[in-house]
């Protein structure tokens, strides 16, 4: 068992490339959304 298959990602195949890539895309997308939202809220952009 690898270290990626522990904790909150405790299911079979949690350390597979598609799951890791999907998680990364979701996290980076959420961060990008929050940055864009914060900039639009702070400055009258768009």
PDB file of N, CA and C in Angstrom:
ATOM      1  N   UNK A   1       0.851  -1.182   0.000  1.00  0.00           N
ATOM      2  CA  UNK A   1       0.000   0.000   0.000  1.00  0.00           C
ATOM      3  C   UNK A   1       0.893   1.240   0.000  1.00  0.00           C
ATOM      4  N   UNK A   2       0.613   2.146  -0.895  1.00  0.00           N
ATOM      5  CA  UNK A   2       1.393   3.376  -0.946  1.00  0.00           C
ATOM      6  C   UNK A   2       0.840   4.399   0.039  1.00  0.00           C
ATOM      7  N   UNK A   3       1.592   5.452   0.256  1.00  0.00           N
ATOM      8  CA  UNK A   3       1.150   6.498   1.175  1.00  0.00           C
ATOM      9  C   UNK A   3      -0.054   7.248   0.644  1.00  0.00           C
ATOM     10  N   UNK A   4      -0.258   7.242  -0.696  1.00  0.00           N
ATOM     11  CA  UNK A   4      -1.397   7.952  -1.265  1.00  0.00           C
ATOM     12  C   UNK A   4      -2.709   7.219  -1.020  1.00  0.00           C
ATOM     13  N   UNK A   5      -2.636   5.972  -0.617  1.00  0.00           N
ATOM     14  CA  UNK A   5      -3.833   5.164  -0.414  1.00  0.00           C
ATOM     15  C   UNK A   5      -4.230   5.131   1.057  1.00  0.00           C
ATOM     16  N   UNK A   6      -3.996   6.223   1.762  1.00  0.00           N
ATOM     17  CA  UNK A   6      -4.320   6.307   3.189  1.00  0.00           C
ATOM     18  C   UNK A   6      -5.114   7.577   3.461  1.00  0.00           C
ATOM     19  N   UNK A   7      -5.611   7.714   4.639  1.00  0.00           N
ATOM     20  CA  UNK A   7      -6.308   8.928   5.043  1.00  0.00           C
ATOM     21  C   UNK A   7      -7.639   9.084   4.344  1.00  0.00           C
ATOM     22  N   UNK A   8      -7.899  10.291   3.838  1.00  0.00           N
ATOM     23  CA  UNK A   8      -9.202  10.584   3.251  1.00  0.00           C
ATOM     24  C   UNK A   8      -9.398   9.864   1.923  1.00  0.00           C
ATOM     25  N   UNK A   9      -8.295   9.519   1.237  1.00  0.00           N
ATOM     26  CA  UNK A   9      -8.371   8.812  -0.044  1.00  0.00           C
ATOM     27  C   UNK A   9      -8.212   7.317   0.194  1.00  0.00           C
ATOM     28  N   UNK A  10      -8.943   6.777   1.142  1.00  0.00           N
ATOM     29  CA  UNK A  10      -8.778   5.394   1.549  1.00  0.00           C
ATOM     30  C   UNK A  10      -9.729   4.486   0.770  1.00  0.00           C
ATOM     31  N   UNK A  11      -9.418   4.260  -0.500  1.00  0.00           N
ATOM     32  CA  UNK A  11     -10.158   3.300  -1.294  1.00  0.00           C
ATOM     33  C   UNK A  11      -9.221   2.718  -2.336  1.00  0.00           C
ATOM     34  N   UNK A  12      -9.596   1.589  -2.868  1.00  0.00           N
ATOM     35  CA  UNK A  12      -8.730   0.898  -3.827  1.00  0.00           C
ATOM     36  C   UNK A  12      -8.567   1.751  -5.082  1.00  0.00           C
ATOM     37  N   UNK A  13      -7.351   1.937  -5.513  1.00  0.00           N
ATOM     38  CA  UNK A  13      -7.075   2.725  -6.704  1.00  0.00           C
ATOM     39  C   UNK A  13      -6.939   4.209  -6.441  1.00  0.00           C
ATOM     40  N   UNK A  14      -6.820   4.603  -5.202  1.00  0.00           N
ATOM     41  CA  UNK A  14      -6.716   6.033  -4.881  1.00  0.00           C
ATOM     42  C   UNK A  14      -5.418   6.636  -5.384  1.00  0.00           C
ATOM     43  N   UNK A  15      -4.406   5.798  -5.604  1.00  0.00           N
ATOM     44  CA  UNK A  15      -3.129   6.314  -6.073  1.00  0.00           C
ATOM     45  C   UNK A  15      -2.951   6.135  -7.578  1.00  0.00           C
ATOM     46  N   UNK A  16      -4.042   5.844  -8.289  1.00  0.00           N
ATOM     47  CA  UNK A  16      -3.939   5.696  -9.736  1.00  0.00           C
ATOM     48  C   UNK A  16      -3.855   7.068 -10.401  1.00  0.00           C
ATOM     49  N   UNK A  17      -3.241   7.107 -11.561  1.00  0.00           N
ATOM     50  CA  UNK A  17      -3.002   8.378 -12.248  1.00  0.00           C
ATOM     51  C   UNK A  17      -4.289   9.140 -12.571  1.00  0.00           C
ATOM     52  N   UNK A  18      -5.345   8.507 -13.073  1.00  0.00           N
ATOM     53  CA  UNK A  18      -6.572   9.276 -13.358  1.00  0.00           C
ATOM     54  C   UNK A  18      -7.186   9.938 -12.117  1.00  0.00           C
ATOM     55  N   UNK A  19      -7.168   9.247 -11.004  1.00  0.00           N
ATOM     56  CA  UNK A  19      -7.748   9.802  -9.776  1.00  0.00           C
ATOM     57  C   UNK A  19      -6.905  10.967  -9.273  1.00  0.00           C
ATOM     58  N   UNK A  20      -5.591  10.812  -9.304  1.00  0.00           N
ATOM     59  CA  UNK A  20      -4.704  11.888  -8.860  1.00  0.00           C
ATOM     60  C   UNK A  20      -4.832  13.095  -9.785  1.00  0.00           C
ATOM     61  N   UNK A  21      -4.899  12.852 -11.104  1.00  0.00           N
ATOM     62  CA  UNK A  21      -5.039  13.950 -12.068  1.00  0.00           C
ATOM     63  C   UNK A  21      -6.374  14.667 -11.877  1.00  0.00           C
ATOM     64  N   UNK A  22      -7.452  13.925 -11.694  1.00  0.00           N
ATOM     65  CA  UNK A  22      -8.765  14.536 -11.493  1.00  0.00           C
ATOM     66  C   UNK A  22      -8.791  15.366 -10.218  1.00  0.00           C
ATOM     67  N   UNK A  23      -8.206  14.854  -9.159  1.00  0.00           N
ATOM     68  CA  UNK A  23      -8.159  15.603  -7.900  1.00  0.00           C
ATOM     69  C   UNK A  23      -7.355  16.890  -8.070  1.00  0.00           C
ATOM     70  N   UNK A  24      -6.243  16.793  -8.763  1.00  0.00           N
ATOM     71  CA  UNK A  24      -5.430  17.977  -8.996  1.00  0.00           C
ATOM     72  C   UNK A  24      -6.146  19.023  -9.821  1.00  0.00           C
ATOM     73  N   UNK A  25      -6.844  18.577 -10.860  1.00  0.00           N
ATOM     74  CA  UNK A  25      -7.598  19.512 -11.704  1.00  0.00           C
ATOM     75  C   UNK A  25      -8.706  20.188 -10.904  1.00  0.00           C
ATOM     76  N   UNK A  26      -9.398  19.424 -10.085  1.00  0.00           N
ATOM     77  CA  UNK A  26     -10.465  20.001  -9.262  1.00  0.00           C
ATOM     78  C   UNK A  26      -9.909  21.031  -8.279  1.00  0.00           C
ATOM     79  N   UNK A  27      -8.802  20.712  -7.646  1.00  0.00           N
ATOM     80  CA  UNK A  27      -8.221  21.629  -6.669  1.00  0.00           C
ATOM     81  C   UNK A  27      -7.709  22.897  -7.342  1.00  0.00           C
ATOM     82  N   UNK A  28      -6.967  22.746  -8.457  1.00  0.00           N
ATOM     83  CA  UNK A  28      -6.444  23.914  -9.165  1.00  0.00           C
ATOM     84  C   UNK A  28      -7.573  24.750  -9.766  1.00  0.00           C
ATOM     85  N   UNK A  29      -8.625  24.106 -10.241  1.00  0.00           N
ATOM     86  CA  UNK A  29      -9.773  24.834 -10.765  1.00  0.00           C
ATOM     87  C   UNK A  29     -10.475  25.644  -9.687  1.00  0.00           C
ATOM     88  N   UNK A  30     -10.607  25.056  -8.514  1.00  0.00           N
ATOM     89  CA  UNK A  30     -11.243  25.772  -7.405  1.00  0.00           C
ATOM     90  C   UNK A  30     -10.401  26.970  -6.973  1.00  0.00           C
ATOM     91  N   UNK A  31      -9.087  26.792  -6.938  1.00  0.00           N
ATOM     92  CA  UNK A  31      -8.202  27.899  -6.577  1.00  0.00           C
ATOM     93  C   UNK A  31      -8.292  29.011  -7.611  1.00  0.00           C
ATOM     94  N   UNK A  32      -8.277  28.637  -8.896  1.00  0.00           N
ATOM     95  CA  UNK A  32      -8.381  29.638  -9.963  1.00  0.00           C
ATOM     96  C   UNK A  32      -9.714  30.373  -9.887  1.00  0.00           C
ATOM     97  N   UNK A  33     -10.798  29.642  -9.629  1.00  0.00           N
ATOM     98  CA  UNK A  33     -12.110  30.273  -9.499  1.00  0.00           C
ATOM     99  C   UNK A  33     -12.126  31.276  -8.351  1.00  0.00           C
ATOM    100  N   UNK A  34     -11.547  30.903  -7.221  1.00  0.00           N
ATOM    101  CA  UNK A  34     -11.534  31.804  -6.072  1.00  0.00           C
ATOM    102  C   UNK A  34     -10.696  33.050  -6.342  1.00  0.00           C
ATOM    103  N   UNK A  35      -9.587  32.894  -7.053  1.00  0.00           N
ATOM    104  CA  UNK A  35      -8.757  34.054  -7.380  1.00  0.00           C
ATOM    105  C   UNK A  35      -9.511  34.995  -8.312  1.00  0.00           C
ATOM    106  N   UNK A  36     -10.142  34.448  -9.348  1.00  0.00           N
ATOM    107  CA  UNK A  36     -10.906  35.278 -10.286  1.00  0.00           C
ATOM    108  C   UNK A  36     -12.063  35.961  -9.567  1.00  0.00           C
ATOM    109  N   UNK A  37     -12.769  35.220  -8.724  1.00  0.00           N
ATOM    110  CA  UNK A  37     -13.892  35.789  -7.995  1.00  0.00           C
ATOM    111  C   UNK A  37     -13.425  36.910  -7.057  1.00  0.00           C
ATOM    112  N   UNK A  38     -12.291  36.694  -6.382  1.00  0.00           N
ATOM    113  CA  UNK A  38     -11.776  37.715  -5.466  1.00  0.00           C
ATOM    114  C   UNK A  38     -11.363  38.973  -6.223  1.00  0.00           C
ATOM    115  N   UNK A  39     -10.725  38.806  -7.378  1.00  0.00           N
ATOM    116  CA  UNK A  39     -10.320  39.968  -8.170  1.00  0.00           C
ATOM    117  C   UNK A  39     -11.532  40.731  -8.687  1.00  0.00           C
ATOM    118  N   UNK A  40     -12.562  40.020  -9.109  1.00  0.00           N
ATOM    119  CA  UNK A  40     -13.762  40.685  -9.587  1.00  0.00           C
ATOM    120  C   UNK A  40     -14.510  41.390  -8.454  1.00  0.00           C
ATOM    121  N   UNK A  41     -14.434  40.829  -7.263  1.00  0.00           N
ATOM    122  CA  UNK A  41     -15.104  41.456  -6.131  1.00  0.00           C
ATOM    123  C   UNK A  41     -14.337  42.679  -5.633  1.00  0.00           C
ATOM    124  N   UNK A  42     -13.021  42.603  -5.649  1.00  0.00           N
ATOM    125  CA  UNK A  42     -12.206  43.686  -5.133  1.00  0.00           C
ATOM    126  C   UNK A  42     -12.100  44.842  -6.119  1.00  0.00           C
ATOM    127  N   UNK A  43     -12.030  44.509  -7.391  1.00  0.00           N
ATOM    128  CA  UNK A  43     -11.885  45.517  -8.433  1.00  0.00           C
ATOM    129  C   UNK A  43     -13.024  45.351  -9.428  1.00  0.00           C
ATOM    130  N   UNK A  44     -13.510  46.454  -9.935  1.00  0.00           N
ATOM    131  CA  UNK A  44     -14.618  46.394 -10.900  1.00  0.00           C
ATOM    132  C   UNK A  44     -14.080  45.984 -12.267  1.00  0.00           C
ATOM    133  N   UNK A  45     -13.707  44.723 -12.381  1.00  0.00           N
ATOM    134  CA  UNK A  45     -13.165  44.178 -13.635  1.00  0.00           C
ATOM    135  C   UNK A  45     -14.289  43.506 -14.392  1.00  0.00           C
ATOM    136  N   UNK A  46     -14.397  43.781 -15.649  1.00  0.00           N
ATOM    137  CA  UNK A  46     -15.421  43.138 -16.480  1.00  0.00           C
ATOM    138  C   UNK A  46     -16.743  43.809 -16.295  1.00  0.00           C
TER     139      UNK A  46
END
